[in-house]
Amino acid sequence: MKKRSFLLAIACTAGMGAAHVGAAGVGAPAPIIIKFSHVVATDTPKGKAADFFARRAGELTRGRVRVDVYPNSRLYKDKEEMEALQLGAVQMLAPSLSKFAQLGVREFEVFDLPYLFDSFAELHKVTQGAAGKSLLAKLEAKGITGLAYWDNGLKSFSANRPLHKPADFKGLKMRIQSSKVLDAQMRALGAIPQVMAFSEVYQALQTGVVDGTENPHSNLYTQKMYEVQKHMTLSNHGYLGYAVVVNKKFWDGLPADLRQQLGQAMEEATKVANEDAKKDNDDALAKVIASGKTTVHTPTEAEKMAMKKALVPVHREMSGRIGEDTIELIYRETGFDPAKL
């Protein structure tokens, strides 16, 4: 209750600040302020895209809207930001997709399913198509409007022993984000899932508390996990991404022309985010290989098929939690047919 009151107080203070600017201004009305809070550094794809959006929003609205970006959890930490958005203490966020299941919108856990997408082209059919829009619409009941999906990357497995086939995972302690789907994924391989904060993973790998993990290449490189992982398999088995969301009451209260201009700025920022994410992951993989500290394995077609056969049953196992309709909608958009495995 105290935390909720604190967040409300911040929201009220922000509103008074905007009113004060308007009273003090001469001639032109004060701009509408959008506080865009995120938890990563400014030089990450998400950080750079947020800054790009802020700049383009100002240009396209001719200064009628000003986006103030707060990176690195400067305003709110990972566990606080969603409540702050719902209360109106901040207007915009770009949380990881797993956060929405914690709000009760479990359909977003579909993005945790292994081997749901074979490529970014397939992924973008969903995130930029009807299925993606349908998922974002489910946030409306929570007081949140979804604007776009931003990529982080496709994930690869790493450990201190080669991971070429499902049997290689047996008994390994594998770090995961908090997700029932990822838990089921690791158990399907015979591994022991270990939920752990991202900031703790390097030390846990170094000391043997966990044996391996899964990450986009940029995470593996920037967090120096490759220094304490002898092997990595380019499995591309899962997706890590974000959704850019805005407080619904705030968004609905904007003039229609401003919403259109901000939508254009978001469309351009999404292109920047996704291109930067791909480049960062490609560059990170090259640096990991050049380091010589991690042996990088590209699976053969037979190895990839064996992994798919082991992991795709997780789709059916989790259908009661995620929703069979949601999974089937994505199958239709990507052309995926589990019966062909």
C-alpha atoms as a PDB file:
ATOM      1  CA  MET A   1       0.000   0.000   0.000  1.00  0.00           C
ATOM      2  CA  LYS A   2       2.857   2.383   0.849  1.00  0.00           C
ATOM      3  CA  LYS A   3       4.516   1.708  -2.522  1.00  0.00           C
ATOM      4  CA  ARG A   4       1.251   2.401  -4.353  1.00  0.00           C
ATOM      5  CA  SER A   5       0.840   5.724  -2.474  1.00  0.00           C
ATOM      6  CA  PHE A   6       4.434   6.636  -3.303  1.00  0.00           C
ATOM      7  CA  LEU A   7       3.891   5.998  -7.014  1.00  0.00           C
ATOM      8  CA  LEU A   8       0.675   8.010  -6.973  1.00  0.00           C
ATOM      9  CA  ALA A   9       2.506  10.898  -5.320  1.00  0.00           C
ATOM     10  CA  ILE A  10       5.093  10.843  -8.096  1.00  0.00           C
ATOM     11  CA  ALA A  11       2.327  10.891 -10.695  1.00  0.00           C
ATOM     12  CA  CYS A  12       0.692  13.915  -9.070  1.00  0.00           C
ATOM     13  CA  THR A  13       4.027  15.724  -8.796  1.00  0.00           C
ATOM     14  CA  ALA A  14       4.711  15.098 -12.489  1.00  0.00           C
ATOM     15  CA  GLY A  15       1.307  16.525 -13.379  1.00  0.00           C
ATOM     16  CA  MET A  16       1.875  19.670 -11.295  1.00  0.00           C
ATOM     17  CA  GLY A  17       5.268  20.128 -12.935  1.00  0.00           C
ATOM     18  CA  ALA A  18       3.711  20.131 -16.395  1.00  0.00           C
ATOM     19  CA  ALA A  19       1.034  22.618 -15.288  1.00  0.00           C
ATOM     20  CA  HIS A  20       3.673  24.917 -13.840  1.00  0.00           C
ATOM     21  CA  VAL A  21       5.602  24.942 -17.127  1.00  0.00           C
ATOM     22  CA  GLY A  22       2.412  25.907 -18.967  1.00  0.00           C
ATOM     23  CA  ALA A  23       1.720  28.797 -16.606  1.00  0.00           C
ATOM     24  CA  ALA A  24       5.255  30.079 -16.940  1.00  0.00           C
ATOM     25  CA  GLY A  25       5.398  29.783 -20.743  1.00  0.00           C
ATOM     26  CA  VAL A  26       4.943  32.810 -22.953  1.00  0.00           C
ATOM     27  CA  GLY A  27       2.668  32.506 -25.983  1.00  0.00           C
ATOM     28  CA  ALA A  28       2.855  28.815 -26.887  1.00  0.00           C
ATOM     29  CA  PRO A  29       1.259  26.179 -24.628  1.00  0.00           C
ATOM     30  CA  ALA A  30       3.540  23.800 -22.761  1.00  0.00           C
ATOM     31  CA  PRO A  31       4.275  20.516 -24.574  1.00  0.00           C
ATOM     32  CA  ILE A  32       2.602  17.302 -23.502  1.00  0.00           C
ATOM     33  CA  ILE A  33       5.207  15.302 -21.578  1.00  0.00           C
ATOM     34  CA  ILE A  34       5.676  11.554 -22.070  1.00  0.00           C
ATOM     35  CA  LYS A  35       7.915   9.901 -19.508  1.00  0.00           C
ATOM     36  CA  PHE A  36       9.470   6.842 -21.172  1.00  0.00           C
ATOM     37  CA  SER A  37      11.130   4.636 -18.555  1.00  0.00           C
ATOM     38  CA  HIS A  38      13.248   1.573 -19.293  1.00  0.00           C
ATOM     39  CA  VAL A  39      15.739  -0.588 -17.425  1.00  0.00           C
ATOM     40  CA  VAL A  40      18.663  -0.943 -19.861  1.00  0.00           C
ATOM     41  CA  ALA A  41      21.612   1.207 -20.929  1.00  0.00           C
ATOM     42  CA  THR A  42      21.331   3.910 -23.585  1.00  0.00           C
ATOM     43  CA  ASP A  43      23.754   2.122 -25.946  1.00  0.00           C
ATOM     44  CA  THR A  44      21.596  -1.034 -26.232  1.00  0.00           C
ATOM     45  CA  PRO A  45      19.145  -1.506 -29.140  1.00  0.00           C
ATOM     46  CA  LYS A  46      16.234  -0.703 -26.822  1.00  0.00           C
ATOM     47  CA  GLY A  47      18.001   2.340 -25.397  1.00  0.00           C
ATOM     48  CA  LYS A  48      18.918   3.682 -28.828  1.00  0.00           C
ATOM     49  CA  ALA A  49      15.404   3.089 -30.180  1.00  0.00           C
ATOM     50  CA  ALA A  50      13.847   4.900 -27.207  1.00  0.00           C
ATOM     51  CA  ASP A  51      16.063   7.919 -27.846  1.00  0.00           C
ATOM     52  CA  PHE A  52      15.247   7.807 -31.573  1.00  0.00           C
ATOM     53  CA  PHE A  53      11.521   7.717 -30.783  1.00  0.00           C
ATOM     54  CA  ALA A  54      11.875  10.709 -28.472  1.00  0.00           C
ATOM     55  CA  ARG A  55      13.617  12.731 -31.167  1.00  0.00           C
ATOM     56  CA  ARG A  56      11.168  11.804 -33.938  1.00  0.00           C
ATOM     57  CA  ALA A  57       8.148  12.395 -31.699  1.00  0.00           C
ATOM     58  CA  GLY A  58       9.336  15.951 -31.108  1.00  0.00           C
ATOM     59  CA  GLU A  59       9.955  16.506 -34.813  1.00  0.00           C
ATOM     60  CA  LEU A  60       6.706  15.016 -36.115  1.00  0.00           C
ATOM     61  CA  THR A  61       4.523  16.786 -33.538  1.00  0.00           C
ATOM     62  CA  ARG A  62       6.463  20.056 -34.031  1.00  0.00           C
ATOM     63  CA  GLY A  63       7.214  20.247 -30.333  1.00  0.00           C
ATOM     64  CA  ARG A  64       3.652  19.633 -29.132  1.00  0.00           C
ATOM     65  CA  VAL A  65       4.901  16.439 -27.457  1.00  0.00           C
ATOM     66  CA  ARG A  66       8.158  16.024 -25.552  1.00  0.00           C
ATOM     67  CA  VAL A  67       9.371  12.529 -24.704  1.00  0.00           C
ATOM     68  CA  ASP A  68      11.707  12.356 -21.703  1.00  0.00           C
ATOM     69  CA  VAL A  69      13.591   9.044 -21.662  1.00  0.00           C
ATOM     70  CA  TYR A  70      14.792   7.608 -18.336  1.00  0.00           C
ATOM     71  CA  PRO A  71      17.186   4.657 -18.939  1.00  0.00           C
ATOM     72  CA  ASN A  72      18.949   2.277 -16.547  1.00  0.00           C
ATOM     73  CA  SER A  73      16.046   2.017 -14.065  1.00  0.00           C
ATOM     74  CA  ARG A  74      16.555   5.693 -13.215  1.00  0.00           C
ATOM     75  CA  LEU A  75      12.856   6.096 -12.432  1.00  0.00           C
ATOM     76  CA  TYR A  76      11.657   2.561 -11.712  1.00  0.00           C
ATOM     77  CA  LYS A  77      13.229  -0.847 -11.315  1.00  0.00           C
ATOM     78  CA  ASP A  78      12.166  -3.938 -13.235  1.00  0.00           C
ATOM     79  CA  LYS A  79       9.582  -5.019 -10.654  1.00  0.00           C
ATOM     80  CA  GLU A  80       8.107  -1.531 -10.125  1.00  0.00           C
ATOM     81  CA  GLU A  81       7.665  -0.140 -13.613  1.00  0.00           C
ATOM     82  CA  MET A  82       4.449  -1.937 -14.628  1.00  0.00           C
ATOM     83  CA  GLU A  83       2.532  -0.695 -11.594  1.00  0.00           C
ATOM     84  CA  ALA A  84       3.924   2.795 -12.175  1.00  0.00           C
ATOM     85  CA  LEU A  85       2.572   2.690 -15.741  1.00  0.00           C
ATOM     86  CA  GLN A  86      -0.886   1.543 -14.645  1.00  0.00           C
ATOM     87  CA  LEU A  87      -1.020   4.314 -12.041  1.00  0.00           C
ATOM     88  CA  GLY A  88       0.040   6.952 -14.560  1.00  0.00           C
ATOM     89  CA  ALA A  89       3.286   7.810 -12.758  1.00  0.00           C
ATOM     90  CA  VAL A  90       5.024   7.085 -16.066  1.00  0.00           C
ATOM     91  CA  GLN A  91       3.427   7.058 -19.505  1.00  0.00           C
ATOM     92  CA  MET A  92       5.543   4.630 -21.561  1.00  0.00           C
ATOM     93  CA  LEU A  93       7.613   1.461 -21.027  1.00  0.00           C
ATOM     94  CA  ALA A  94       9.279  -1.252 -23.103  1.00  0.00           C
ATOM     95  CA  PRO A  95       9.281  -4.307 -20.779  1.00  0.00           C
ATOM     96  CA  SER A  96      10.238  -7.830 -21.782  1.00  0.00           C
ATOM     97  CA  LEU A  97       7.285  -9.879 -23.004  1.00  0.00           C
ATOM     98  CA  SER A  98       7.452 -12.218 -20.006  1.00  0.00           C
ATOM     99  CA  LYS A  99       6.306  -9.356 -17.747  1.00  0.00           C
ATOM    100  CA  PHE A 100       2.767  -9.442 -19.141  1.00  0.00           C
ATOM    101  CA  ALA A 101       2.097 -12.972 -17.935  1.00  0.00           C
ATOM    102  CA  GLN A 102       2.726 -11.624 -14.427  1.00  0.00           C
ATOM    103  CA  LEU A 103      -0.175  -9.203 -15.039  1.00  0.00           C
ATOM    104  CA  GLY A 104      -2.416 -12.176 -15.754  1.00  0.00           C
ATOM    105  CA  VAL A 105      -2.155 -12.016 -19.558  1.00  0.00           C
ATOM    106  CA  ARG A 106      -0.658 -15.486 -19.942  1.00  0.00           C
ATOM    107  CA  GLU A 107      -1.082 -15.488 -23.710  1.00  0.00           C
ATOM    108  CA  PHE A 108       2.213 -13.565 -23.944  1.00  0.00           C
ATOM    109  CA  GLU A 109       4.018 -16.684 -22.733  1.00  0.00           C
ATOM    110  CA  VAL A 110       3.523 -17.978 -26.277  1.00  0.00           C
ATOM    111  CA  PHE A 111       6.763 -16.143 -27.138  1.00  0.00           C
ATOM    112  CA  ASP A 112       8.632 -18.433 -24.711  1.00  0.00           C
ATOM    113  CA  LEU A 113       7.659 -21.575 -26.638  1.00  0.00           C
ATOM    114  CA  PRO A 114      10.711 -23.302 -28.145  1.00  0.00           C
ATOM    115  CA  TYR A 115      11.110 -23.482 -31.936  1.00  0.00           C
ATOM    116  CA  LEU A 116       7.978 -21.433 -32.596  1.00  0.00           C
ATOM    117  CA  PHE A 117       9.871 -19.332 -35.161  1.00  0.00           C
ATOM    118  CA  ASP A 118      12.488 -20.542 -37.632  1.00  0.00           C
ATOM    119  CA  SER A 119      13.616 -17.060 -38.609  1.00  0.00           C
ATOM    120  CA  PHE A 120      13.115 -13.356 -37.990  1.00  0.00           C
ATOM    121  CA  ALA A 121      10.937 -13.279 -41.114  1.00  0.00           C
ATOM    122  CA  GLU A 122       8.529 -15.740 -39.457  1.00  0.00           C
ATOM    123  CA  LEU A 123       8.715 -13.881 -36.151  1.00  0.00           C
ATOM    124  CA  HIS A 124       7.869 -10.545 -37.766  1.00  0.00           C
ATOM    125  CA  LYS A 125       4.838 -12.075 -39.505  1.00  0.00           C
ATOM    126  CA  VAL A 126       3.503 -12.452 -35.960  1.00  0.00           C
ATOM    127  CA  THR A 127       4.768  -9.321 -34.204  1.00  0.00           C
ATOM    128  CA  GLN A 128       3.786  -7.109 -37.136  1.00  0.00           C
ATOM    129  CA  GLY A 129       0.633  -9.035 -38.057  1.00  0.00           C
ATOM    130  CA  ALA A 130      -2.796  -9.977 -36.778  1.00  0.00           C
ATOM    131  CA  ALA A 131      -1.576 -12.303 -34.012  1.00  0.00           C
ATOM    132  CA  GLY A 132       0.687  -9.627 -32.543  1.00  0.00           C
ATOM    133  CA  LYS A 133      -2.092  -7.030 -32.606  1.00  0.00           C
ATOM    134  CA  SER A 134      -4.512  -9.501 -31.014  1.00  0.00           C
ATOM    135  CA  LEU A 135      -2.102 -10.084 -28.124  1.00  0.00           C
ATOM    136  CA  LEU A 136      -1.512  -6.379 -27.552  1.00  0.00           C
ATOM    137  CA  ALA A 137      -5.277  -5.805 -27.489  1.00  0.00           C
ATOM    138  CA  LYS A 138      -5.517  -8.124 -24.462  1.00  0.00           C
ATOM    139  CA  LEU A 139      -3.590  -5.525 -22.431  1.00  0.00           C
ATOM    140  CA  GLU A 140      -6.392  -2.955 -22.775  1.00  0.00           C
ATOM    141  CA  ALA A 141      -8.311  -4.484 -19.847  1.00  0.00           C
ATOM    142  CA  LYS A 142      -5.241  -3.838 -17.674  1.00  0.00           C
ATOM    143  CA  GLY A 143      -5.220  -0.116 -18.529  1.00  0.00           C
ATOM    144  CA  ILE A 144      -2.381  -0.546 -21.038  1.00  0.00           C
ATOM    145  CA  THR A 145      -2.218   0.121 -24.786  1.00  0.00           C
ATOM    146  CA  GLY A 146       0.382  -1.811 -26.789  1.00  0.00           C
ATOM    147  CA  LEU A 147       2.149   0.094 -29.570  1.00  0.00           C
ATOM    148  CA  ALA A 148       4.896  -2.165 -30.972  1.00  0.00           C
ATOM    149  CA  TYR A 149       7.228  -5.117 -30.483  1.00  0.00           C
ATOM    150  CA  TRP A 150      10.987  -4.573 -30.362  1.00  0.00           C
ATOM    151  CA  ASP A 151      13.447  -7.447 -30.870  1.00  0.00           C
ATOM    152  CA  ASN A 152      16.245  -8.427 -28.548  1.00  0.00           C
ATOM    153  CA  GLY A 153      17.153 -11.582 -30.420  1.00  0.00           C
ATOM    154  CA  LEU A 154      16.894 -15.327 -30.934  1.00  0.00           C
ATOM    155  CA  LYS A 155      18.438 -17.421 -28.176  1.00  0.00           C
ATOM    156  CA  SER A 156      21.249 -19.973 -28.216  1.00  0.00           C
ATOM    157  CA  PHE A 157      22.120 -22.570 -25.570  1.00  0.00           C
ATOM    158  CA  SER A 158      25.479 -22.486 -23.773  1.00  0.00           C
ATOM    159  CA  ALA A 159      27.167 -24.746 -21.204  1.00  0.00           C
ATOM    160  CA  ASN A 160      30.521 -26.161 -20.213  1.00  0.00           C
ATOM    161  CA  ARG A 161      30.003 -29.254 -22.339  1.00  0.00           C
ATOM    162  CA  PRO A 162      28.924 -29.640 -25.978  1.00  0.00           C
ATOM    163  CA  LEU A 163      25.163 -29.423 -26.559  1.00  0.00           C
ATOM    164  CA  HIS A 164      24.618 -31.196 -29.863  1.00  0.00           C
ATOM    165  CA  LYS A 165      21.639 -33.403 -29.016  1.00  0.00           C
ATOM    166  CA  PRO A 166      18.876 -33.549 -26.366  1.00  0.00           C
ATOM    167  CA  ALA A 167      20.716 -36.175 -24.308  1.00  0.00           C
ATOM    168  CA  ASP A 168      23.602 -33.704 -23.797  1.00  0.00           C
ATOM    169  CA  PHE A 169      21.357 -31.591 -21.521  1.00  0.00           C
ATOM    170  CA  LYS A 170      20.562 -34.396 -19.079  1.00  0.00           C
ATOM    171  CA  GLY A 171      21.266 -33.352 -15.496  1.00  0.00           C
ATOM    172  CA  LEU A 172      22.572 -29.869 -16.373  1.00  0.00           C
ATOM    173  CA  LYS A 173      21.448 -26.977 -14.161  1.00  0.00           C
ATOM    174  CA  MET A 174      20.242 -24.409 -16.698  1.00  0.00           C
ATOM    175  CA  ARG A 175      19.436 -20.824 -15.770  1.00  0.00           C
ATOM    176  CA  ILE A 176      16.098 -19.474 -17.023  1.00  0.00           C
ATOM    177  CA  GLN A 177      13.948 -16.387 -16.613  1.00  0.00           C
ATOM    178  CA  SER A 178      10.869 -16.887 -14.440  1.00  0.00           C
ATOM    179  CA  SER A 179       8.542 -18.701 -16.860  1.00  0.00           C
ATOM    180  CA  LYS A 180       6.489 -21.885 -16.614  1.00  0.00           C
ATOM    181  CA  VAL A 181       7.100 -22.407 -20.330  1.00  0.00           C
ATOM    182  CA  LEU A 182      10.894 -22.149 -20.040  1.00  0.00           C
ATOM    183  CA  ASP A 183      10.745 -24.464 -17.019  1.00  0.00           C
ATOM    184  CA  ALA A 184       8.901 -27.046 -19.146  1.00  0.00           C
ATOM    185  CA  GLN A 185      11.368 -26.523 -22.005  1.00  0.00           C
ATOM    186  CA  MET A 186      14.401 -27.398 -19.869  1.00  0.00           C
ATOM    187  CA  ARG A 187      12.670 -30.368 -18.250  1.00  0.00           C
ATOM    188  CA  ALA A 188      11.785 -31.719 -21.709  1.00  0.00           C
ATOM    189  CA  LEU A 189      15.545 -31.881 -22.355  1.00  0.00           C
ATOM    190  CA  GLY A 190      16.243 -33.602 -19.048  1.00  0.00           C
ATOM    191  CA  ALA A 191      17.878 -30.466 -17.615  1.00  0.00           C
ATOM    192  CA  ILE A 192      17.197 -28.888 -14.222  1.00  0.00           C
ATOM    193  CA  PRO A 193      15.786 -25.351 -14.635  1.00  0.00           C
ATOM    194  CA  GLN A 194      17.087 -22.691 -12.256  1.00  0.00           C
ATOM    195  CA  VAL A 195      15.262 -19.343 -12.062  1.00  0.00           C
ATOM    196  CA  MET A 196      17.789 -16.591 -11.452  1.00  0.00           C
ATOM    197  CA  ALA A 197      18.066 -12.823 -11.834  1.00  0.00           C
ATOM    198  CA  PHE A 198      19.977 -11.807 -14.956  1.00  0.00           C
ATOM    199  CA  SER A 199      22.503  -9.811 -12.907  1.00  0.00           C
ATOM    200  CA  GLU A 200      23.507 -12.967 -10.983  1.00  0.00           C
ATOM    201  CA  VAL A 201      24.106 -15.276 -13.952  1.00  0.00           C
ATOM    202  CA  TYR A 202      27.802 -14.584 -14.639  1.00  0.00           C
ATOM    203  CA  GLN A 203      28.877 -15.373 -11.087  1.00  0.00           C
ATOM    204  CA  ALA A 204      26.604 -18.429 -10.959  1.00  0.00           C
ATOM    205  CA  LEU A 205      28.193 -19.782 -14.153  1.00  0.00           C
ATOM    206  CA  GLN A 206      31.681 -18.949 -12.894  1.00  0.00           C
ATOM    207  CA  THR A 207      31.180 -20.771  -9.590  1.00  0.00           C
ATOM    208  CA  GLY A 208      29.218 -23.711 -10.986  1.00  0.00           C
ATOM    209  CA  VAL A 209      25.942 -22.851  -9.242  1.00  0.00           C
ATOM    210  CA  VAL A 210      24.459 -23.322 -12.715  1.00  0.00           C
ATOM    211  CA  ASP A 211      26.016 -25.165 -15.669  1.00  0.00           C
ATOM    212  CA  GLY A 212      24.549 -23.272 -18.575  1.00  0.00           C
ATOM    213  CA  THR A 213      21.919 -20.887 -19.865  1.00  0.00           C
ATOM    214  CA  GLU A 214      20.168 -19.520 -22.966  1.00  0.00           C
ATOM    215  CA  ASN A 215      20.664 -16.033 -24.373  1.00  0.00           C
ATOM    216  CA  PRO A 216      20.722 -13.893 -27.483  1.00  0.00           C
ATOM    217  CA  HIS A 217      24.380 -13.499 -28.484  1.00  0.00           C
ATOM    218  CA  SER A 218      24.518  -9.844 -27.413  1.00  0.00           C
ATOM    219  CA  ASN A 219      23.630 -10.814 -23.830  1.00  0.00           C
ATOM    220  CA  LEU A 220      26.197 -13.619 -23.789  1.00  0.00           C
ATOM    221  CA  TYR A 221      28.893 -11.217 -24.977  1.00  0.00           C
ATOM    222  CA  THR A 222      28.118  -7.988 -23.095  1.00  0.00           C
ATOM    223  CA  GLN A 223      27.664  -9.844 -19.792  1.00  0.00           C
ATOM    224  CA  LYS A 224      30.944 -11.727 -20.452  1.00  0.00           C
ATOM    225  CA  MET A 225      29.228 -15.092 -20.018  1.00  0.00           C
ATOM    226  CA  TYR A 226      31.312 -16.466 -22.892  1.00  0.00           C
ATOM    227  CA  GLU A 227      34.324 -16.247 -20.538  1.00  0.00           C
ATOM    228  CA  VAL A 228      32.752 -18.904 -18.299  1.00  0.00           C
ATOM    229  CA  GLN A 229      30.992 -21.052 -20.933  1.00  0.00           C
ATOM    230  CA  LYS A 230      33.145 -23.424 -22.967  1.00  0.00           C
ATOM    231  CA  HIS A 231      30.468 -24.314 -25.521  1.00  0.00           C
ATOM    232  CA  MET A 232      27.605 -22.624 -27.314  1.00  0.00           C
ATOM    233  CA  THR A 233      25.166 -24.079 -29.846  1.00  0.00           C
ATOM    234  CA  LEU A 234      23.552 -21.768 -32.389  1.00  0.00           C
ATOM    235  CA  SER A 235      20.136 -23.273 -31.712  1.00  0.00           C
ATOM    236  CA  ASN A 236      17.994 -20.148 -32.334  1.00  0.00           C
ATOM    237  CA  HIS A 237      15.369 -22.058 -30.378  1.00  0.00           C
ATOM    238  CA  GLY A 238      13.592 -19.186 -28.650  1.00  0.00           C
ATOM    239  CA  TYR A 239      12.852 -15.488 -28.784  1.00  0.00           C
ATOM    240  CA  LEU A 240      13.549 -12.637 -26.393  1.00  0.00           C
ATOM    241  CA  GLY A 241      11.763  -9.387 -27.090  1.00  0.00           C
ATOM    242  CA  TYR A 242       9.936  -6.374 -25.707  1.00  0.00           C
ATOM    243  CA  ALA A 243       6.595  -4.653 -26.171  1.00  0.00           C
ATOM    244  CA  VAL A 244       6.402  -0.868 -26.142  1.00  0.00           C
ATOM    245  CA  VAL A 245       3.325   0.055 -24.113  1.00  0.00           C
ATOM    246  CA  VAL A 246       1.635   3.238 -22.962  1.00  0.00           C
ATOM    247  CA  ASN A 247      -0.857   4.119 -20.228  1.00  0.00           C
ATOM    248  CA  LYS A 248      -4.254   3.646 -21.928  1.00  0.00           C
ATOM    249  CA  LYS A 249      -6.024   6.581 -20.267  1.00  0.00           C
ATOM    250  CA  PHE A 250      -3.189   8.916 -21.245  1.00  0.00           C
ATOM    251  CA  TRP A 251      -3.056   7.604 -24.834  1.00  0.00           C
ATOM    252  CA  ASP A 252      -6.826   7.778 -25.355  1.00  0.00           C
ATOM    253  CA  GLY A 253      -6.793  11.361 -24.059  1.00  0.00           C
ATOM    254  CA  LEU A 254      -4.380  12.578 -26.745  1.00  0.00           C
ATOM    255  CA  PRO A 255      -5.739  14.374 -29.827  1.00  0.00           C
ATOM    256  CA  ALA A 256      -6.130  11.993 -32.773  1.00  0.00           C
ATOM    257  CA  ASP A 257      -3.549  13.816 -34.895  1.00  0.00           C
ATOM    258  CA  LEU A 258      -0.912  13.473 -32.154  1.00  0.00           C
ATOM    259  CA  ARG A 259      -1.632   9.749 -31.794  1.00  0.00           C
ATOM    260  CA  GLN A 260      -1.116   9.374 -35.545  1.00  0.00           C
ATOM    261  CA  GLN A 261       2.190  11.270 -35.465  1.00  0.00           C
ATOM    262  CA  LEU A 262       3.431   9.346 -32.444  1.00  0.00           C
ATOM    263  CA  GLY A 263       2.399   6.124 -34.168  1.00  0.00           C
ATOM    264  CA  GLN A 264       4.572   7.078 -37.136  1.00  0.00           C
ATOM    265  CA  ALA A 265       7.494   7.852 -34.811  1.00  0.00           C
ATOM    266  CA  MET A 266       7.001   4.449 -33.148  1.00  0.00           C
ATOM    267  CA  GLU A 267       6.933   2.660 -36.514  1.00  0.00           C
ATOM    268  CA  GLU A 268      10.257   4.266 -37.453  1.00  0.00           C
ATOM    269  CA  ALA A 269      11.738   3.518 -34.011  1.00  0.00           C
ATOM    270  CA  THR A 270      10.691  -0.139 -34.308  1.00  0.00           C
ATOM    271  CA  LYS A 271      12.649  -0.450 -37.547  1.00  0.00           C
ATOM    272  CA  VAL A 272      15.693   1.076 -35.803  1.00  0.00           C
ATOM    273  CA  ALA A 273      15.316  -1.230 -32.782  1.00  0.00           C
ATOM    274  CA  ASN A 274      15.068  -4.411 -34.848  1.00  0.00           C
ATOM    275  CA  GLU A 275      17.918  -3.530 -37.205  1.00  0.00           C
ATOM    276  CA  ASP A 276      20.176  -2.597 -34.260  1.00  0.00           C
ATOM    277  CA  ALA A 277      19.286  -5.801 -32.409  1.00  0.00           C
ATOM    278  CA  LYS A 278      20.242  -7.961 -35.393  1.00  0.00           C
ATOM    279  CA  LYS A 279      23.503  -6.083 -35.959  1.00  0.00           C
ATOM    280  CA  ASP A 280      24.434  -6.211 -32.254  1.00  0.00           C
ATOM    281  CA  ASN A 281      23.791  -9.962 -32.111  1.00  0.00           C
ATOM    282  CA  ASP A 282      25.774 -10.626 -35.295  1.00  0.00           C
ATOM    283  CA  ASP A 283      28.672  -8.503 -34.016  1.00  0.00           C
ATOM    284  CA  ALA A 284      28.563 -10.153 -30.598  1.00  0.00           C
ATOM    285  CA  LEU A 285      28.701 -13.646 -32.111  1.00  0.00           C
ATOM    286  CA  ALA A 286      31.738 -12.671 -34.192  1.00  0.00           C
ATOM    287  CA  LYS A 287      33.473 -11.354 -31.055  1.00  0.00           C
ATOM    288  CA  VAL A 288      32.676 -14.507 -29.078  1.00  0.00           C
ATOM    289  CA  ILE A 289      34.163 -16.652 -31.851  1.00  0.00           C
ATOM    290  CA  ALA A 290      37.228 -14.384 -32.129  1.00  0.00           C
ATOM    291  CA  SER A 291      37.839 -14.628 -28.365  1.00  0.00           C
ATOM    292  CA  GLY A 292      38.578 -18.349 -28.684  1.00  0.00           C
ATOM    293  CA  LYS A 293      37.088 -18.901 -25.218  1.00  0.00           C
ATOM    294  CA  THR A 294      33.884 -20.545 -26.401  1.00  0.00           C
ATOM    295  CA  THR A 295      33.546 -23.264 -29.018  1.00  0.00           C
ATOM    296  CA  VAL A 296      30.571 -22.336 -31.199  1.00  0.00           C
ATOM    297  CA  HIS A 297      28.643 -25.185 -32.829  1.00  0.00           C
ATOM    298  CA  THR A 298      26.236 -24.829 -35.759  1.00  0.00           C
ATOM    299  CA  PRO A 299      23.752 -27.726 -35.633  1.00  0.00           C
ATOM    300  CA  THR A 300      23.321 -30.016 -38.613  1.00  0.00           C
ATOM    301  CA  GLU A 301      19.813 -30.417 -40.020  1.00  0.00           C
ATOM    302  CA  ALA A 302      19.551 -33.791 -38.272  1.00  0.00           C
ATOM    303  CA  GLU A 303      20.607 -32.276 -34.927  1.00  0.00           C
ATOM    304  CA  LYS A 304      18.132 -29.420 -35.299  1.00  0.00           C
ATOM    305  CA  MET A 305      15.322 -31.841 -36.096  1.00  0.00           C
ATOM    306  CA  ALA A 306      16.160 -33.962 -33.033  1.00  0.00           C
ATOM    307  CA  MET A 307      16.000 -30.855 -30.814  1.00  0.00           C
ATOM    308  CA  LYS A 308      12.684 -29.813 -32.353  1.00  0.00           C
ATOM    309  CA  LYS A 309      11.192 -33.260 -31.767  1.00  0.00           C
ATOM    310  CA  ALA A 310      12.259 -33.070 -28.125  1.00  0.00           C
ATOM    311  CA  LEU A 311      10.968 -29.545 -27.542  1.00  0.00           C
ATOM    312  CA  VAL A 312       7.912 -28.946 -29.709  1.00  0.00           C
ATOM    313  CA  PRO A 313       5.733 -31.194 -27.455  1.00  0.00           C
ATOM    314  CA  VAL A 314       6.063 -28.354 -24.914  1.00  0.00           C
ATOM    315  CA  HIS A 315       3.641 -26.398 -27.142  1.00  0.00           C
ATOM    316  CA  ARG A 316       0.845 -28.867 -26.427  1.00  0.00           C
ATOM    317  CA  GLU A 317       1.862 -29.242 -22.788  1.00  0.00           C
ATOM    318  CA  MET A 318       1.516 -25.474 -22.269  1.00  0.00           C
ATOM    319  CA  SER A 319      -1.591 -24.970 -24.443  1.00  0.00           C
ATOM    320  CA  GLY A 320      -3.894 -25.061 -21.413  1.00  0.00           C
ATOM    321  CA  ARG A 321      -1.922 -22.245 -19.816  1.00  0.00           C
ATOM    322  CA  ILE A 322      -1.309 -20.048 -22.874  1.00  0.00           C
ATOM    323  CA  GLY A 323      -4.474 -20.832 -24.808  1.00  0.00           C
ATOM    324  CA  GLU A 324      -4.767 -23.225 -27.727  1.00  0.00           C
ATOM    325  CA  ASP A 325      -6.371 -20.502 -29.880  1.00  0.00           C
ATOM    326  CA  THR A 326      -3.331 -18.241 -29.438  1.00  0.00           C
ATOM    327  CA  ILE A 327      -0.886 -20.982 -30.409  1.00  0.00           C
ATOM    328  CA  GLU A 328      -2.996 -22.011 -33.429  1.00  0.00           C
ATOM    329  CA  LEU A 329      -3.213 -18.386 -34.607  1.00  0.00           C
ATOM    330  CA  ILE A 330       0.578 -18.147 -34.631  1.00  0.00           C
ATOM    331  CA  TYR A 331       0.882 -21.522 -36.399  1.00  0.00           C
ATOM    332  CA  ARG A 332      -1.368 -20.177 -39.156  1.00  0.00           C
ATOM    333  CA  GLU A 333       0.634 -16.959 -39.538  1.00  0.00           C
ATOM    334  CA  THR A 334       4.014 -18.726 -39.722  1.00  0.00           C
ATOM    335  CA  GLY A 335       2.918 -21.885 -41.519  1.00  0.00           C
ATOM    336  CA  PHE A 336       4.304 -24.063 -38.708  1.00  0.00           C
ATOM    337  CA  ASP A 337       2.909 -27.601 -38.594  1.00  0.00           C
ATOM    338  CA  PRO A 338       4.050 -29.709 -35.616  1.00  0.00           C
ATOM    339  CA  ALA A 339       2.615 -32.829 -37.260  1.00  0.00           C
ATOM    340  CA  LYS A 340       5.385 -32.681 -39.874  1.00  0.00           C
ATOM    341  CA  LEU A 341       8.172 -33.199 -37.326  1.00  0.00           C
END
